[in-house]
Amino acid sequence: MAGKYILICTKPHTEWTLARLPGRRGESIELIADETFDSLEAAEWAVFKRRWKTLTGNAIDDGGDAP
């Protein structure tokens, strides 16, 4: 699970921030502060694209828009 991208709700129902899980239990989650979203759908799409690239080595080129 180390390095897996996740979402943290930083403002209830209005803002989500991209983060990565630490390598060891008890360590702090790494927030990616410049990756915040105002909709859950956009946040989930960003996580999907990053996970896809990690797994396949290929980026999804969609112009940055959520489906």
Protein backbone atom coordinates (compact mmCIF):
# COMPACT_ATOMS: atom_id res chain seq x y z
CA MET A 1 0.00 0.00 0.00
CA ALA A 2 3.01 2.31 0.31
CA GLY A 3 2.77 5.19 -2.15
CA LYS A 4 -0.85 4.45 -3.09
CA TYR A 5 -2.79 7.56 -4.04
CA ILE A 6 -5.80 8.38 -1.89
CA LEU A 7 -8.17 11.28 -1.29
CA ILE A 8 -8.53 13.24 1.93
CA CYS A 9 -11.64 15.34 2.48
CA THR A 10 -10.11 18.62 3.69
CA LYS A 11 -13.36 20.61 3.83
CA PRO A 12 -16.53 18.57 4.35
CA HIS A 13 -18.44 18.07 1.08
CA THR A 14 -16.53 20.89 -0.68
CA GLU A 15 -12.80 20.11 -0.99
CA TRP A 16 -10.69 16.98 -1.48
CA THR A 17 -6.89 16.80 -1.53
CA LEU A 18 -4.74 14.17 -3.19
CA ALA A 19 -2.44 12.28 -0.83
CA ARG A 20 -0.14 9.24 -0.72
CA LEU A 21 0.01 6.51 1.87
CA PRO A 22 3.26 6.14 3.83
CA GLY A 23 5.51 3.12 3.69
CA ARG A 24 4.98 2.14 7.32
CA ARG A 25 2.07 2.03 9.71
CA GLY A 26 1.98 5.06 11.99
CA GLU A 27 3.84 7.37 9.60
CA SER A 28 2.12 10.50 8.31
CA ILE A 29 0.12 10.55 5.10
CA GLU A 30 1.77 12.80 2.49
CA LEU A 31 -0.67 15.50 1.35
CA ILE A 32 -0.08 16.81 -2.16
CA ALA A 33 -1.12 20.37 -1.38
CA ASP A 34 -1.22 21.67 -4.96
CA GLU A 35 -3.72 18.94 -5.94
CA THR A 36 -7.08 20.01 -4.48
CA PHE A 37 -10.50 19.50 -6.03
CA ASP A 38 -13.93 21.05 -5.53
CA SER A 39 -15.86 17.97 -6.63
CA LEU A 40 -15.52 14.36 -5.58
CA GLU A 41 -15.85 13.23 -9.19
CA ALA A 42 -12.88 15.33 -10.33
CA ALA A 43 -10.83 14.10 -7.38
CA GLU A 44 -11.63 10.44 -8.10
CA TRP A 45 -10.76 10.92 -11.78
CA ALA A 46 -7.37 12.38 -10.81
CA VAL A 47 -6.66 9.40 -8.53
CA PHE A 48 -7.71 6.97 -11.27
CA LYS A 49 -5.39 8.60 -13.82
CA ARG A 50 -2.41 8.47 -11.43
CA ARG A 51 -3.07 4.85 -10.48
CA TRP A 52 -3.48 3.95 -14.17
CA LYS A 53 -0.13 5.50 -15.03
CA THR A 54 1.54 3.72 -12.10
CA LEU A 55 0.13 0.35 -13.17
CA THR A 56 0.48 0.61 -16.95
CA GLY A 57 3.20 3.20 -17.49
CA ASN A 58 0.85 5.08 -19.84
CA ALA A 59 -0.82 8.39 -19.06
CA ILE A 60 -4.46 9.01 -19.90
CA ASP A 61 -4.59 12.07 -22.15
CA ASP A 62 -8.06 13.54 -21.65
CA GLY A 63 -7.28 17.24 -21.59
CA GLY A 64 -7.62 17.17 -17.78
CA ASP A 65 -11.41 16.92 -17.69
CA ALA A 66 -13.36 14.36 -15.76
CA PRO A 67 -15.59 12.06 -17.80
